[in-house]
């Protein structure tokens, strides 16, 4: 899918979901440096970026928790992140 005005330097997206996430990143005024790493984590957590190891999925969730983005994205992300914290799969962000 192609758009006219680039979002974070991208005009071509693989699907509507990917485009919607980039629009959200823009609304959140996300730093350009974080976009690719965040998008990779979101894609893994949502399942549209393939992940062969459970360890990689846990790392993606931990990244969303550490950056605080788990609570800024759709409600499902925050609820799932909290479940993973409650089960001890992920850890609270270390605020040292």
PDB file of N, CA and C in Angstrom:
ATOM      1  N   UNK A   1       0.843  -1.162   0.000  1.00  0.00           N
ATOM      2  CA  UNK A   1       0.000   0.000   0.000  1.00  0.00           C
ATOM      3  C   UNK A   1       0.892   1.229   0.000  1.00  0.00           C
ATOM      4  N   UNK A   2       0.584   2.191  -0.834  1.00  0.00           N
ATOM      5  CA  UNK A   2       1.396   3.391  -1.022  1.00  0.00           C
ATOM      6  C   UNK A   2       0.600   4.629  -0.593  1.00  0.00           C
ATOM      7  N   UNK A   3       1.293   5.568   0.082  1.00  0.00           N
ATOM      8  CA  UNK A   3       0.674   6.844   0.457  1.00  0.00           C
ATOM      9  C   UNK A   3       1.454   7.983  -0.186  1.00  0.00           C
ATOM     10  N   UNK A   4       0.833   9.165  -0.237  1.00  0.00           N
ATOM     11  CA  UNK A   4       1.483  10.312  -0.899  1.00  0.00           C
ATOM     12  C   UNK A   4       2.523  10.974  -0.015  1.00  0.00           C
ATOM     13  N   UNK A   5       2.155  11.255   1.235  1.00  0.00           N
ATOM     14  CA  UNK A   5       3.063  11.953   2.146  1.00  0.00           C
ATOM     15  C   UNK A   5       3.747  10.926   3.064  1.00  0.00           C
ATOM     16  N   UNK A   6       5.050  10.931   3.065  1.00  0.00           N
ATOM     17  CA  UNK A   6       5.816   9.956   3.845  1.00  0.00           C
ATOM     18  C   UNK A   6       5.611  10.150   5.349  1.00  0.00           C
ATOM     19  N   UNK A   7       5.619   9.040   6.046  1.00  0.00           N
ATOM     20  CA  UNK A   7       5.583   9.029   7.510  1.00  0.00           C
ATOM     21  C   UNK A   7       6.893   8.396   7.957  1.00  0.00           C
ATOM     22  N   UNK A   8       7.700   9.146   8.671  1.00  0.00           N
ATOM     23  CA  UNK A   8       9.024   8.680   9.097  1.00  0.00           C
ATOM     24  C   UNK A   8       9.816   8.143   7.898  1.00  0.00           C
ATOM     25  N   UNK A   9       9.688   8.816   6.781  1.00  0.00           N
ATOM     26  CA  UNK A   9      10.460   8.461   5.593  1.00  0.00           C
ATOM     27  C   UNK A   9       9.898   7.308   4.785  1.00  0.00           C
ATOM     28  N   UNK A  10       8.749   6.781   5.174  1.00  0.00           N
ATOM     29  CA  UNK A  10       8.157   5.646   4.450  1.00  0.00           C
ATOM     30  C   UNK A  10       6.901   6.063   3.709  1.00  0.00           C
ATOM     31  N   UNK A  11       6.782   5.599   2.483  1.00  0.00           N
ATOM     32  CA  UNK A  11       5.580   5.817   1.691  1.00  0.00           C
ATOM     33  C   UNK A  11       4.889   4.506   1.330  1.00  0.00           C
ATOM     34  N   UNK A  12       5.585   3.385   1.503  1.00  0.00           N
ATOM     35  CA  UNK A  12       5.036   2.081   1.144  1.00  0.00           C
ATOM     36  C   UNK A  12       4.945   1.217   2.403  1.00  0.00           C
ATOM     37  N   UNK A  13       3.767   0.625   2.607  1.00  0.00           N
ATOM     38  CA  UNK A  13       3.502  -0.215   3.772  1.00  0.00           C
ATOM     39  C   UNK A  13       2.930  -1.543   3.305  1.00  0.00           C
ATOM     40  N   UNK A  14       3.183  -2.598   4.056  1.00  0.00           N
ATOM     41  CA  UNK A  14       2.751  -3.924   3.625  1.00  0.00           C
ATOM     42  C   UNK A  14       1.247  -4.147   3.791  1.00  0.00           C
ATOM     43  N   UNK A  15       0.619  -3.420   4.736  1.00  0.00           N
ATOM     44  CA  UNK A  15      -0.821  -3.563   4.941  1.00  0.00           C
ATOM     45  C   UNK A  15      -1.364  -2.369   5.724  1.00  0.00           C
ATOM     46  N   UNK A  16      -2.680  -2.319   5.889  1.00  0.00           N
ATOM     47  CA  UNK A  16      -3.313  -1.198   6.593  1.00  0.00           C
ATOM     48  C   UNK A  16      -2.899  -1.126   8.059  1.00  0.00           C
ATOM     49  N   UNK A  17      -2.736  -2.280   8.676  1.00  0.00           N
ATOM     50  CA  UNK A  17      -2.341  -2.315  10.081  1.00  0.00           C
ATOM     51  C   UNK A  17      -0.993  -1.641  10.292  1.00  0.00           C
ATOM     52  N   UNK A  18      -0.053  -1.930   9.414  1.00  0.00           N
ATOM     53  CA  UNK A  18       1.276  -1.313   9.511  1.00  0.00           C
ATOM     54  C   UNK A  18       1.174   0.203   9.339  1.00  0.00           C
ATOM     55  N   UNK A  19       0.389   0.648   8.381  1.00  0.00           N
ATOM     56  CA  UNK A  19       0.190   2.078   8.166  1.00  0.00           C
ATOM     57  C   UNK A  19      -0.448   2.732   9.384  1.00  0.00           C
ATOM     58  N   UNK A  20      -1.437   2.082   9.976  1.00  0.00           N
ATOM     59  CA  UNK A  20      -2.097   2.638  11.159  1.00  0.00           C
ATOM     60  C   UNK A  20      -1.111   2.799  12.316  1.00  0.00           C
ATOM     61  N   UNK A  21      -0.217   1.837  12.479  1.00  0.00           N
ATOM     62  CA  UNK A  21       0.784   1.955  13.547  1.00  0.00           C
ATOM     63  C   UNK A  21       1.702   3.148  13.288  1.00  0.00           C
ATOM     64  N   UNK A  22       2.123   3.332  12.064  1.00  0.00           N
ATOM     65  CA  UNK A  22       2.994   4.471  11.758  1.00  0.00           C
ATOM     66  C   UNK A  22       2.270   5.794  11.997  1.00  0.00           C
ATOM     67  N   UNK A  23       0.991   5.855  11.696  1.00  0.00           N
ATOM     68  CA  UNK A  23       0.214   7.071  11.969  1.00  0.00           C
ATOM     69  C   UNK A  23       0.154   7.322  13.472  1.00  0.00           C
ATOM     70  N   UNK A  24      -0.006   6.259  14.250  1.00  0.00           N
ATOM     71  CA  UNK A  24      -0.024   6.397  15.705  1.00  0.00           C
ATOM     72  C   UNK A  24       1.326   6.878  16.220  1.00  0.00           C
ATOM     73  N   UNK A  25       2.427   6.329  15.682  1.00  0.00           N
ATOM     74  CA  UNK A  25       3.756   6.772  16.109  1.00  0.00           C
ATOM     75  C   UNK A  25       3.916   8.266  15.856  1.00  0.00           C
ATOM     76  N   UNK A  26       3.386   8.714  14.715  1.00  0.00           N
ATOM     77  CA  UNK A  26       3.464  10.134  14.365  1.00  0.00           C
ATOM     78  C   UNK A  26       2.649  10.975  15.346  1.00  0.00           C
ATOM     79  N   UNK A  27       1.453  10.509  15.701  1.00  0.00           N
ATOM     80  CA  UNK A  27       0.615  11.226  16.675  1.00  0.00           C
ATOM     81  C   UNK A  27       1.296  11.310  18.025  1.00  0.00           C
ATOM     82  N   UNK A  28       1.996  10.250  18.400  1.00  0.00           N
ATOM     83  CA  UNK A  28       2.694  10.218  19.683  1.00  0.00           C
ATOM     84  C   UNK A  28       3.995  11.013  19.666  1.00  0.00           C
ATOM     85  N   UNK A  29       4.333  11.535  18.470  1.00  0.00           N
ATOM     86  CA  UNK A  29       5.567  12.294  18.290  1.00  0.00           C
ATOM     87  C   UNK A  29       6.781  11.470  18.738  1.00  0.00           C
ATOM     88  N   UNK A  30       6.763  10.220  18.343  1.00  0.00           N
ATOM     89  CA  UNK A  30       7.829   9.298  18.683  1.00  0.00           C
ATOM     90  C   UNK A  30       9.124   9.723  18.012  1.00  0.00           C
ATOM     91  N   UNK A  31      10.218   9.626  18.732  1.00  0.00           N
ATOM     92  CA  UNK A  31      11.525   9.957  18.170  1.00  0.00           C
ATOM     93  C   UNK A  31      11.827   9.032  17.002  1.00  0.00           C
ATOM     94  N   UNK A  32      12.338   9.604  15.936  1.00  0.00           N
ATOM     95  CA  UNK A  32      12.601   8.838  14.720  1.00  0.00           C
ATOM     96  C   UNK A  32      13.503   7.635  14.984  1.00  0.00           C
ATOM     97  N   UNK A  33      14.446   7.775  15.913  1.00  0.00           N
ATOM     98  CA  UNK A  33      15.385   6.701  16.208  1.00  0.00           C
ATOM     99  C   UNK A  33      14.688   5.471  16.791  1.00  0.00           C
ATOM    100  N   UNK A  34      13.548   5.668  17.459  1.00  0.00           N
ATOM    101  CA  UNK A  34      12.850   4.554  18.100  1.00  0.00           C
ATOM    102  C   UNK A  34      11.865   3.845  17.180  1.00  0.00           C
ATOM    103  N   UNK A  35      11.487   4.472  16.076  1.00  0.00           N
ATOM    104  CA  UNK A  35      10.403   3.955  15.248  1.00  0.00           C
ATOM    105  C   UNK A  35      10.655   2.536  14.756  1.00  0.00           C
ATOM    106  N   UNK A  36      11.804   2.270  14.179  1.00  0.00           N
ATOM    107  CA  UNK A  36      12.053   0.942  13.619  1.00  0.00           C
ATOM    108  C   UNK A  36      12.082  -0.132  14.706  1.00  0.00           C
ATOM    109  N   UNK A  37      12.733   0.152  15.812  1.00  0.00           N
ATOM    110  CA  UNK A  37      12.801  -0.826  16.896  1.00  0.00           C
ATOM    111  C   UNK A  37      11.415  -1.059  17.503  1.00  0.00           C
ATOM    112  N   UNK A  38      10.669   0.032  17.682  1.00  0.00           N
ATOM    113  CA  UNK A  38       9.314  -0.083  18.220  1.00  0.00           C
ATOM    114  C   UNK A  38       8.425  -0.852  17.254  1.00  0.00           C
ATOM    115  N   UNK A  39       8.519  -0.523  15.973  1.00  0.00           N
ATOM    116  CA  UNK A  39       7.673  -1.194  14.995  1.00  0.00           C
ATOM    117  C   UNK A  39       7.984  -2.688  14.937  1.00  0.00           C
ATOM    118  N   UNK A  40       9.243  -3.039  15.051  1.00  0.00           N
ATOM    119  CA  UNK A  40       9.638  -4.453  15.074  1.00  0.00           C
ATOM    120  C   UNK A  40       9.010  -5.146  16.279  1.00  0.00           C
ATOM    121  N   UNK A  41       9.080  -4.521  17.448  1.00  0.00           N
ATOM    122  CA  UNK A  41       8.504  -5.113  18.664  1.00  0.00           C
ATOM    123  C   UNK A  41       6.991  -5.252  18.532  1.00  0.00           C
ATOM    124  N   UNK A  42       6.321  -4.214  18.039  1.00  0.00           N
ATOM    125  CA  UNK A  42       4.869  -4.257  17.870  1.00  0.00           C
ATOM    126  C   UNK A  42       4.496  -5.369  16.895  1.00  0.00           C
ATOM    127  N   UNK A  43       5.219  -5.464  15.795  1.00  0.00           N
ATOM    128  CA  UNK A  43       4.935  -6.490  14.798  1.00  0.00           C
ATOM    129  C   UNK A  43       5.074  -7.894  15.349  1.00  0.00           C
ATOM    130  N   UNK A  44       6.087  -8.110  16.150  1.00  0.00           N
ATOM    131  CA  UNK A  44       6.287  -9.423  16.769  1.00  0.00           C
ATOM    132  C   UNK A  44       5.152  -9.713  17.746  1.00  0.00           C
ATOM    133  N   UNK A  45       4.811  -8.729  18.578  1.00  0.00           N
ATOM    134  CA  UNK A  45       3.756  -8.928  19.576  1.00  0.00           C
ATOM    135  C   UNK A  45       2.394  -9.158  18.931  1.00  0.00           C
ATOM    136  N   UNK A  46       2.122  -8.477  17.842  1.00  0.00           N
ATOM    137  CA  UNK A  46       0.840  -8.646  17.154  1.00  0.00           C
ATOM    138  C   UNK A  46       0.840  -9.854  16.221  1.00  0.00           C
ATOM    139  N   UNK A  47       2.001 -10.328  15.851  1.00  0.00           N
ATOM    140  CA  UNK A  47       2.083 -11.518  15.027  1.00  0.00           C
ATOM    141  C   UNK A  47       2.215 -11.289  13.532  1.00  0.00           C
ATOM    142  N   UNK A  48       2.322 -10.033  13.092  1.00  0.00           N
ATOM    143  CA  UNK A  48       2.492  -9.821  11.655  1.00  0.00           C
ATOM    144  C   UNK A  48       3.963  -9.791  11.247  1.00  0.00           C
ATOM    145  N   UNK A  49       4.861  -9.844  12.222  1.00  0.00           N
ATOM    146  CA  UNK A  49       6.281 -10.092  11.946  1.00  0.00           C
ATOM    147  C   UNK A  49       6.590 -11.437  12.593  1.00  0.00           C
ATOM    148  N   UNK A  50       7.031 -12.364  11.772  1.00  0.00           N
ATOM    149  CA  UNK A  50       7.265 -13.726  12.245  1.00  0.00           C
ATOM    150  C   UNK A  50       8.383 -13.782  13.272  1.00  0.00           C
ATOM    151  N   UNK A  51       8.145 -14.608  14.260  1.00  0.00           N
ATOM    152  CA  UNK A  51       9.108 -14.790  15.347  1.00  0.00           C
ATOM    153  C   UNK A  51       9.182 -16.291  15.623  1.00  0.00           C
ATOM    154  N   UNK A  52      10.360 -16.877  15.495  1.00  0.00           N
ATOM    155  CA  UNK A  52      10.510 -18.323  15.659  1.00  0.00           C
ATOM    156  C   UNK A  52      10.760 -18.756  17.102  1.00  0.00           C
ATOM    157  N   UNK A  53      11.191 -17.836  17.938  1.00  0.00           N
ATOM    158  CA  UNK A  53      11.536 -18.191  19.317  1.00  0.00           C
ATOM    159  C   UNK A  53      10.670 -17.414  20.298  1.00  0.00           C
ATOM    160  N   UNK A  54      10.191 -18.106  21.327  1.00  0.00           N
ATOM    161  CA  UNK A  54       9.413 -17.456  22.382  1.00  0.00           C
ATOM    162  C   UNK A  54      10.261 -16.381  23.067  1.00  0.00           C
ATOM    163  N   UNK A  55      11.552 -16.633  23.170  1.00  0.00           N
ATOM    164  CA  UNK A  55      12.484 -15.686  23.790  1.00  0.00           C
ATOM    165  C   UNK A  55      12.456 -14.322  23.077  1.00  0.00           C
ATOM    166  N   UNK A  56      12.356 -14.352  21.745  1.00  0.00           N
ATOM    167  CA  UNK A  56      12.304 -13.106  20.975  1.00  0.00           C
ATOM    168  C   UNK A  56      10.995 -12.360  21.208  1.00  0.00           C
ATOM    169  N   UNK A  57       9.916 -13.108  21.364  1.00  0.00           N
ATOM    170  CA  UNK A  57       8.628 -12.468  21.651  1.00  0.00           C
ATOM    171  C   UNK A  57       8.645 -11.825  23.039  1.00  0.00           C
ATOM    172  N   UNK A  58       9.230 -12.511  23.996  1.00  0.00           N
ATOM    173  CA  UNK A  58       9.346 -11.953  25.348  1.00  0.00           C
ATOM    174  C   UNK A  58      10.201 -10.691  25.328  1.00  0.00           C
ATOM    175  N   UNK A  59      11.289 -10.698  24.565  1.00  0.00           N
ATOM    176  CA  UNK A  59      12.136  -9.503  24.440  1.00  0.00           C
ATOM    177  C   UNK A  59      11.353  -8.341  23.838  1.00  0.00           C
ATOM    178  N   UNK A  60      10.493  -8.636  22.867  1.00  0.00           N
ATOM    179  CA  UNK A  60       9.678  -7.594  22.245  1.00  0.00           C
ATOM    180  C   UNK A  60       8.722  -6.993  23.277  1.00  0.00           C
ATOM    181  N   UNK A  61       8.078  -7.849  24.057  1.00  0.00           N
ATOM    182  CA  UNK A  61       7.181  -7.335  25.110  1.00  0.00           C
ATOM    183  C   UNK A  61       7.956  -6.534  26.153  1.00  0.00           C
ATOM    184  N   UNK A  62       9.137  -7.026  26.520  1.00  0.00           N
ATOM    185  CA  UNK A  62       9.945  -6.299  27.508  1.00  0.00           C
ATOM    186  C   UNK A  62      10.327  -4.929  26.979  1.00  0.00           C
ATOM    187  N   UNK A  63      10.636  -4.828  25.689  1.00  0.00           N
ATOM    188  CA  UNK A  63      10.948  -3.543  25.075  1.00  0.00           C
ATOM    189  C   UNK A  63       9.758  -2.589  25.187  1.00  0.00           C
ATOM    190  N   UNK A  64       8.551  -3.083  24.910  1.00  0.00           N
ATOM    191  CA  UNK A  64       7.358  -2.233  25.016  1.00  0.00           C
ATOM    192  C   UNK A  64       7.130  -1.772  26.450  1.00  0.00           C
ATOM    193  N   UNK A  65       7.405  -2.641  27.398  1.00  0.00           N
ATOM    194  CA  UNK A  65       7.263  -2.274  28.810  1.00  0.00           C
ATOM    195  C   UNK A  65       8.321  -1.247  29.193  1.00  0.00           C
ATOM    196  N   UNK A  66       9.577  -1.502  28.831  1.00  0.00           N
ATOM    197  CA  UNK A  66      10.683  -0.610  29.197  1.00  0.00           C
ATOM    198  C   UNK A  66      10.528   0.786  28.610  1.00  0.00           C
ATOM    199  N   UNK A  67       9.993   0.875  27.406  1.00  0.00           N
ATOM    200  CA  UNK A  67       9.818   2.189  26.767  1.00  0.00           C
ATOM    201  C   UNK A  67       8.522   2.872  27.188  1.00  0.00           C
ATOM    202  N   UNK A  68       7.641   2.121  27.864  1.00  0.00           N
ATOM    203  CA  UNK A  68       6.342   2.673  28.258  1.00  0.00           C
ATOM    204  C   UNK A  68       5.307   2.630  27.144  1.00  0.00           C
ATOM    205  N   UNK A  69       5.705   2.135  25.990  1.00  0.00           N
ATOM    206  CA  UNK A  69       4.785   2.115  24.853  1.00  0.00           C
ATOM    207  C   UNK A  69       3.671   1.089  25.024  1.00  0.00           C
ATOM    208  N   UNK A  70       3.858   0.088  25.852  1.00  0.00           N
ATOM    209  CA  UNK A  70       2.805  -0.910  26.066  1.00  0.00           C
ATOM    210  C   UNK A  70       1.526  -0.240  26.551  1.00  0.00           C
ATOM    211  N   UNK A  71       1.670   0.889  27.253  1.00  0.00           N
ATOM    212  CA  UNK A  71       0.505   1.575  27.815  1.00  0.00           C
ATOM    213  C   UNK A  71       0.050   2.746  26.963  1.00  0.00           C
ATOM    214  N   UNK A  72       0.741   3.033  25.882  1.00  0.00           N
ATOM    215  CA  UNK A  72       0.347   4.118  24.981  1.00  0.00           C
ATOM    216  C   UNK A  72      -0.326   3.602  23.717  1.00  0.00           C
ATOM    217  N   UNK A  73      -0.124   2.308  23.420  1.00  0.00           N
ATOM    218  CA  UNK A  73      -0.735   1.712  22.239  1.00  0.00           C
ATOM    219  C   UNK A  73      -2.158   1.265  22.593  1.00  0.00           C
ATOM    220  N   UNK A  74      -2.796   0.511  21.713  1.00  0.00           N
ATOM    221  CA  UNK A  74      -4.144   0.004  21.960  1.00  0.00           C
ATOM    222  C   UNK A  74      -4.200  -0.687  23.311  1.00  0.00           C
ATOM    223  N   UNK A  75      -5.359  -0.690  23.925  1.00  0.00           N
ATOM    224  CA  UNK A  75      -5.544  -1.255  25.253  1.00  0.00           C
ATOM    225  C   UNK A  75      -5.077  -2.686  25.405  1.00  0.00           C
ATOM    226  N   UNK A  76      -5.187  -3.465  24.338  1.00  0.00           N
ATOM    227  CA  UNK A  76      -4.766  -4.862  24.380  1.00  0.00           C
ATOM    228  C   UNK A  76      -3.298  -4.988  24.763  1.00  0.00           C
ATOM    229  N   UNK A  77      -2.463  -4.081  24.271  1.00  0.00           N
ATOM    230  CA  UNK A  77      -1.036  -4.145  24.571  1.00  0.00           C
ATOM    231  C   UNK A  77      -0.799  -3.984  26.070  1.00  0.00           C
ATOM    232  N   UNK A  78      -1.434  -3.012  26.674  1.00  0.00           N
ATOM    233  CA  UNK A  78      -1.267  -2.782  28.105  1.00  0.00           C
ATOM    234  C   UNK A  78      -1.771  -3.941  28.941  1.00  0.00           C
ATOM    235  N   UNK A  79      -2.920  -4.497  28.555  1.00  0.00           N
ATOM    236  CA  UNK A  79      -3.465  -5.639  29.304  1.00  0.00           C
ATOM    237  C   UNK A  79      -2.553  -6.859  29.185  1.00  0.00           C
ATOM    238  N   UNK A  80      -2.067  -7.116  27.992  1.00  0.00           N
ATOM    239  CA  UNK A  80      -1.175  -8.267  27.799  1.00  0.00           C
ATOM    240  C   UNK A  80       0.150  -8.053  28.533  1.00  0.00           C
ATOM    241  N   UNK A  81       0.687  -6.840  28.470  1.00  0.00           N
ATOM    242  CA  UNK A  81       1.931  -6.543  29.186  1.00  0.00           C
ATOM    243  C   UNK A  81       1.742  -6.758  30.682  1.00  0.00           C
ATOM    244  N   UNK A  82       0.614  -6.297  31.230  1.00  0.00           N
ATOM    245  CA  UNK A  82       0.351  -6.469  32.658  1.00  0.00           C
ATOM    246  C   UNK A  82       0.228  -7.950  33.006  1.00  0.00           C
ATOM    247  N   UNK A  83      -0.414  -8.739  32.138  1.00  0.00           N
ATOM    248  CA  UNK A  83      -0.505 -10.188  32.370  1.00  0.00           C
ATOM    249  C   UNK A  83       0.881 -10.812  32.427  1.00  0.00           C
ATOM    250  N   UNK A  84       1.760 -10.414  31.501  1.00  0.00           N
ATOM    251  CA  UNK A  84       3.122 -10.955  31.479  1.00  0.00           C
ATOM    252  C   UNK A  84       3.904 -10.543  32.720  1.00  0.00           C
ATOM    253  N   UNK A  85       3.669  -9.331  33.204  1.00  0.00           N
ATOM    254  CA  UNK A  85       4.309  -8.884  34.447  1.00  0.00           C
ATOM    255  C   UNK A  85       3.783  -9.690  35.631  1.00  0.00           C
ATOM    256  N   UNK A  86       2.459  -9.863  35.692  1.00  0.00           N
ATOM    257  CA  UNK A  86       1.850 -10.609  36.798  1.00  0.00           C
ATOM    258  C   UNK A  86       2.324 -12.061  36.847  1.00  0.00           C
ATOM    259  N   UNK A  87       2.560 -12.656  35.678  1.00  0.00           N
ATOM    260  CA  UNK A  87       3.021 -14.045  35.609  1.00  0.00           C
ATOM    261  C   UNK A  87       4.531 -14.167  35.822  1.00  0.00           C
ATOM    262  N   UNK A  88       5.247 -13.035  35.861  1.00  0.00           N
ATOM    263  CA  UNK A  88       6.689 -13.062  36.057  1.00  0.00           C
ATOM    264  C   UNK A  88       7.476 -13.346  34.788  1.00  0.00           C
ATOM    265  N   UNK A  89       6.797 -13.327  33.632  1.00  0.00           N
ATOM    266  CA  UNK A  89       7.473 -13.553  32.356  1.00  0.00           C
ATOM    267  C   UNK A  89       8.320 -12.339  31.994  1.00  0.00           C
ATOM    268  N   UNK A  90       7.774 -11.153  32.258  1.00  0.00           N
ATOM    269  CA  UNK A  90       8.495  -9.880  32.039  1.00  0.00           C
ATOM    270  C   UNK A  90       8.683  -9.204  33.379  1.00  0.00           C
ATOM    271  N   UNK A  91       9.571  -8.218  33.393  1.00  0.00           N
ATOM    272  CA  UNK A  91       9.865  -7.484  34.628  1.00  0.00           C
ATOM    273  C   UNK A  91       9.507  -6.023  34.476  1.00  0.00           C
ATOM    274  N   UNK A  92       9.179  -5.388  35.588  1.00  0.00           N
ATOM    275  CA  UNK A  92       8.946  -3.941  35.587  1.00  0.00           C
ATOM    276  C   UNK A  92      10.205  -3.251  35.094  1.00  0.00           C
ATOM    277  N   UNK A  93      10.024  -2.100  34.478  1.00  0.00           N
ATOM    278  CA  UNK A  93      11.186  -1.329  34.029  1.00  0.00           C
ATOM    279  C   UNK A  93      12.049  -0.961  35.222  1.00  0.00           C
ATOM    280  N   UNK A  94      13.327  -1.134  35.067  1.00  0.00           N
ATOM    281  CA  UNK A  94      14.277  -0.787  36.108  1.00  0.00           C
ATOM    282  C   UNK A  94      14.508   0.725  36.050  1.00  0.00           C
ATOM    283  N   UNK A  95      14.139   1.458  37.092  1.00  0.00           N
ATOM    284  CA  UNK A  95      14.212   2.924  37.104  1.00  0.00           C
ATOM    285  C   UNK A  95      15.437   3.454  37.821  1.00  0.00           C
ATOM    286  N   UNK A  96      16.579   2.829  37.697  1.00  0.00           N
ATOM    287  CA  UNK A  96      17.794   3.304  38.390  1.00  0.00           C
ATOM    288  C   UNK A  96      18.321   4.561  37.779  1.00  0.00           C
TER     289      UNK A  96
END
